[in-house]
N, C-alpha and C. Protein backbone atom coordinates (compact mmCIF):
# COMPACT_ATOMS: atom_id res chain seq x y z
N MET A 1 112.95 144.41 125.43
CA MET A 1 112.24 143.17 124.89
C MET A 1 113.47 142.04 124.14
N GLN A 2 114.71 142.93 124.25
CA GLN A 2 115.61 141.72 123.50
C GLN A 2 116.50 141.05 125.15
N PRO A 3 116.28 141.82 126.49
CA PRO A 3 117.30 141.84 126.79
C PRO A 3 116.38 140.01 127.71
N SER A 4 115.36 140.41 127.60
CA SER A 4 114.39 139.15 128.45
C SER A 4 114.48 137.76 127.75
N ASN A 5 114.37 138.08 126.43
CA ASN A 5 114.82 136.99 125.75
C ASN A 5 116.19 136.27 126.11
N SER A 6 117.22 136.63 125.83
CA SER A 6 118.39 136.36 126.47
C SER A 6 118.64 135.40 127.50
N LEU A 7 117.61 136.18 128.45
CA LEU A 7 117.29 135.20 129.78
C LEU A 7 116.93 133.83 129.54
N GLU A 8 115.37 134.57 128.97
CA GLU A 8 114.28 132.84 128.69
C GLU A 8 115.51 131.96 128.15
N SER A 9 116.53 132.63 127.22
CA SER A 9 117.69 131.52 126.20
C SER A 9 118.70 131.10 127.19
N ASP A 10 119.18 131.68 128.48
CA ASP A 10 119.60 131.34 129.75
C ASP A 10 119.52 129.53 130.07
N ARG A 11 117.82 130.22 130.68
CA ARG A 11 117.56 129.43 131.61
C ARG A 11 116.65 128.25 130.39
N GLU A 12 117.17 128.16 129.40
CA GLU A 12 116.60 126.90 128.67
C GLU A 12 117.84 126.26 129.00
N SER A 13 118.89 126.86 128.53
CA SER A 13 119.80 126.25 128.58
C SER A 13 120.86 125.86 129.31
N SER A 14 120.38 126.34 130.84
CA SER A 14 121.51 125.72 132.11
C SER A 14 120.68 124.37 132.47
N PRO A 15 121.53 124.27 133.14
CA PRO A 15 120.57 122.79 133.27
C PRO A 15 119.60 122.77 134.81
N THR A 16 118.70 122.43 134.93
CA THR A 16 118.03 121.92 135.95
C THR A 16 117.78 120.75 136.80
N VAL A 17 117.61 120.74 137.76
CA VAL A 17 117.58 118.85 138.56
C VAL A 17 116.38 118.80 138.72
N SER A 18 115.98 117.49 138.45
CA SER A 18 114.30 117.54 138.47
C SER A 18 114.17 117.37 139.93
N SER A 19 112.69 116.75 140.02
CA SER A 19 112.88 116.67 141.43
C SER A 19 112.44 115.23 142.55
N GLY A 20 113.05 114.53 141.05
CA GLY A 20 113.83 113.26 141.07
C GLY A 20 114.69 112.79 141.37
N GLY A 21 115.62 113.75 140.80
CA GLY A 21 117.39 113.81 141.08
C GLY A 21 117.31 114.35 142.83
N ILE A 22 116.59 115.68 142.54
CA ILE A 22 116.70 115.72 144.24
C ILE A 22 116.80 115.07 145.06
N SER A 23 115.13 114.35 144.93
CA SER A 23 115.20 113.14 145.97
C SER A 23 116.15 112.14 146.08
N ILE A 24 116.40 111.85 145.28
CA ILE A 24 117.58 111.15 145.24
C ILE A 24 119.15 111.19 146.04
N LEU A 25 119.39 112.35 145.48
CA LEU A 25 120.72 112.97 146.02
C LEU A 25 119.94 113.21 147.64
N LEU A 26 118.65 113.87 148.10
CA LEU A 26 118.85 113.90 149.86
C LEU A 26 118.95 112.71 150.25
N SER A 27 117.87 111.41 149.82
CA SER A 27 118.31 110.20 149.92
C SER A 27 119.43 109.57 149.79
N LEU A 28 120.50 109.91 149.22
CA LEU A 28 121.86 108.99 149.29
C LEU A 28 122.73 110.37 150.45
N SER A 29 122.11 111.67 150.54
CA SER A 29 123.13 112.16 151.79
C SER A 29 122.21 111.59 153.11
N THR A 30 121.08 111.29 153.05
CA THR A 30 120.95 110.87 154.46
C THR A 30 121.75 109.97 155.21
N LEU A 31 122.30 109.29 154.71
CA LEU A 31 122.41 108.02 154.95
C LEU A 31 124.17 108.36 155.85
N PRO A 32 125.14 108.96 154.88
CA PRO A 32 126.18 109.56 156.16
C PRO A 32 126.00 110.90 157.26
N VAL A 33 124.52 111.27 156.52
CA VAL A 33 124.71 111.66 158.08
C VAL A 33 124.28 111.14 159.30
N VAL A 34 123.29 110.18 158.95
CA VAL A 34 122.93 109.06 160.19
C VAL A 34 123.70 108.85 160.63
N VAL A 35 125.00 108.26 160.20
CA VAL A 35 125.97 107.36 160.95
C VAL A 35 126.67 108.38 161.45
N GLY A 36 127.44 109.30 160.49
CA GLY A 36 127.94 110.13 161.16
C GLY A 36 127.27 110.87 162.73
N LEU A 37 126.58 111.08 162.56
CA LEU A 37 125.21 111.20 163.75
C LEU A 37 125.66 109.84 164.95
N LEU A 38 126.00 108.66 164.72
CA LEU A 38 126.38 107.77 165.85
C LEU A 38 127.54 106.90 165.97
N ALA A 39 128.06 107.75 165.28
CA ALA A 39 129.52 107.74 165.74
C ALA A 39 129.96 108.77 166.66
N LEU A 40 129.44 110.00 166.37
CA LEU A 40 129.87 111.24 167.38
C LEU A 40 128.99 110.81 168.68
N LYS A 41 127.84 110.07 168.80
CA LYS A 41 127.45 109.73 170.04
C LYS A 41 128.79 108.94 170.74
N ASN A 42 128.88 107.99 170.05
CA ASN A 42 129.22 106.99 170.27
C ASN A 42 131.45 107.52 170.72
N VAL A 43 131.54 108.38 170.06
CA VAL A 43 133.08 108.79 170.81
C VAL A 43 132.07 109.68 172.21
N SER A 44 131.72 110.59 171.91
CA SER A 44 130.88 111.37 173.20
C SER A 44 130.87 110.21 174.34
N GLN A 45 129.88 109.18 174.07
CA GLN A 45 130.27 108.35 175.13
C GLN A 45 131.62 107.95 175.42
N PHE A 46 132.26 107.35 174.64
CA PHE A 46 133.58 106.67 175.12
C PHE A 46 134.11 107.35 175.82
N TRP A 47 134.76 109.20 175.57
CA TRP A 47 135.69 109.99 176.31
C TRP A 47 134.49 110.62 177.82
N GLN A 48 133.57 110.58 177.77
CA GLN A 48 132.67 110.49 179.02
C GLN A 48 133.21 109.63 179.64
N GLN A 49 133.19 108.11 179.24
CA GLN A 49 133.81 107.26 180.20
C GLN A 49 134.69 107.09 180.61
N VAL A 50 136.20 107.47 179.65
CA VAL A 50 137.54 107.98 180.02
C VAL A 50 137.34 109.07 181.50
N GLY A 51 136.88 109.98 181.13
CA GLY A 51 136.85 111.10 181.89
C GLY A 51 136.53 110.33 183.02
N ARG A 52 135.31 109.96 183.39
CA ARG A 52 134.98 108.69 184.65
C ARG A 52 135.70 108.03 185.47
N ASP A 53 136.61 107.21 184.42
CA ASP A 53 137.21 106.15 185.09
C ASP A 53 139.23 106.90 185.62
N SER A 54 139.33 108.09 184.93
CA SER A 54 140.23 108.97 185.39
C SER A 54 139.78 109.57 186.29
N GLU A 55 138.87 110.49 186.54
CA GLU A 55 138.42 110.44 188.26
C GLU A 55 138.45 109.81 189.66
N GLU A 56 138.07 108.04 189.12
CA GLU A 56 138.40 107.04 189.79
C GLU A 56 139.46 106.68 190.47
N ILE A 57 140.10 107.18 189.12
CA ILE A 57 142.11 106.12 189.59
C ILE A 57 142.70 107.58 190.65
N PHE A 58 142.42 108.55 190.14
CA PHE A 58 142.56 110.12 190.67
C PHE A 58 141.97 110.56 191.88
N ARG A 59 140.89 109.83 192.45
CA ARG A 59 140.45 110.32 193.55
C ARG A 59 141.31 109.23 194.78
N GLY A 60 141.93 108.23 194.59
CA GLY A 60 142.24 107.10 195.62
C GLY A 60 141.41 106.21 195.80
N ASP A 61 140.43 106.02 195.65
CA ASP A 61 140.13 104.82 196.76
C ASP A 61 140.96 103.93 196.69
N ARG A 62 141.29 103.03 195.36
CA ARG A 62 142.21 102.02 195.18
C ARG A 62 143.65 102.20 195.19
N LEU A 63 144.32 102.37 196.07
CA LEU A 63 145.32 103.51 196.42
C LEU A 63 145.29 102.89 197.74
N PRO A 64 146.22 102.47 197.97
CA PRO A 64 146.95 101.49 199.22
C PRO A 64 147.07 102.98 200.39
N LEU A 65 146.72 102.88 201.46
CA LEU A 65 146.70 103.93 202.78
C LEU A 65 148.52 103.71 203.10
N LEU A 66 148.82 104.82 203.22
CA LEU A 66 150.44 104.98 203.43
C LEU A 66 150.48 105.39 204.75
N THR A 67 151.30 104.57 206.09
CA THR A 67 151.49 104.96 206.89
C THR A 67 153.02 105.43 207.67
N GLU A 68 153.12 106.47 207.70
CA GLU A 68 154.06 107.05 208.13
C GLU A 68 155.07 106.15 209.49
N PRO A 69 156.28 105.77 209.61
CA PRO A 69 157.06 105.48 210.51
C PRO A 69 157.11 105.95 212.39
N PRO A 70 156.60 105.25 212.85
CA PRO A 70 156.82 106.08 214.18
C PRO A 70 158.63 106.33 214.41
N HIS A 71 158.61 107.98 214.73
CA HIS A 71 159.57 108.87 215.13
C HIS A 71 160.28 108.67 216.24
N THR A 72 161.72 108.17 216.04
CA THR A 72 162.31 108.02 217.47
C THR A 72 163.09 108.99 218.00
N SER A 73 163.11 108.89 219.35
CA SER A 73 163.68 109.89 219.68
C SER A 73 165.37 110.68 219.55
N SER A 74 166.15 109.45 218.53
CA SER A 74 167.53 109.89 217.85
C SER A 74 166.95 110.41 216.78
N GLU A 75 165.86 110.08 216.00
CA GLU A 75 165.59 110.84 214.75
C GLU A 75 165.54 112.21 215.20
N SER A 76 164.46 112.78 215.79
CA SER A 76 163.95 114.04 216.46
C SER A 76 165.45 114.36 217.04
N ASN A 77 166.94 113.86 217.81
CA ASN A 77 167.85 114.57 218.28
C ASN A 77 168.47 115.39 216.39
N ARG A 78 168.44 114.17 215.63
CA ARG A 78 169.41 114.53 214.28
C ARG A 78 168.69 115.91 213.46
N GLU A 79 166.87 116.29 213.49
CA GLU A 79 166.99 116.82 212.77
C GLU A 79 166.81 118.45 213.43
N THR A 80 167.43 118.27 214.95
CA THR A 80 167.48 119.63 215.58
C THR A 80 169.09 120.12 215.65
């Protein structure tokens, strides 16, 4: 009987969170989570757009076509 009394006295002396306190903590923590998710979504969309833009640059659609100058017979004689 003695150990159970000490457990009961420990429970009575330990702080407890009321249901009202839990709802306040939950409501206060919801806003940062939602803002974080929205920020993560926007950052993800930004990096996806950066990736698409870099693919367009490296694809070469916007680069000019380079033409080789025609070889003359004097240039071909120097190479051999």
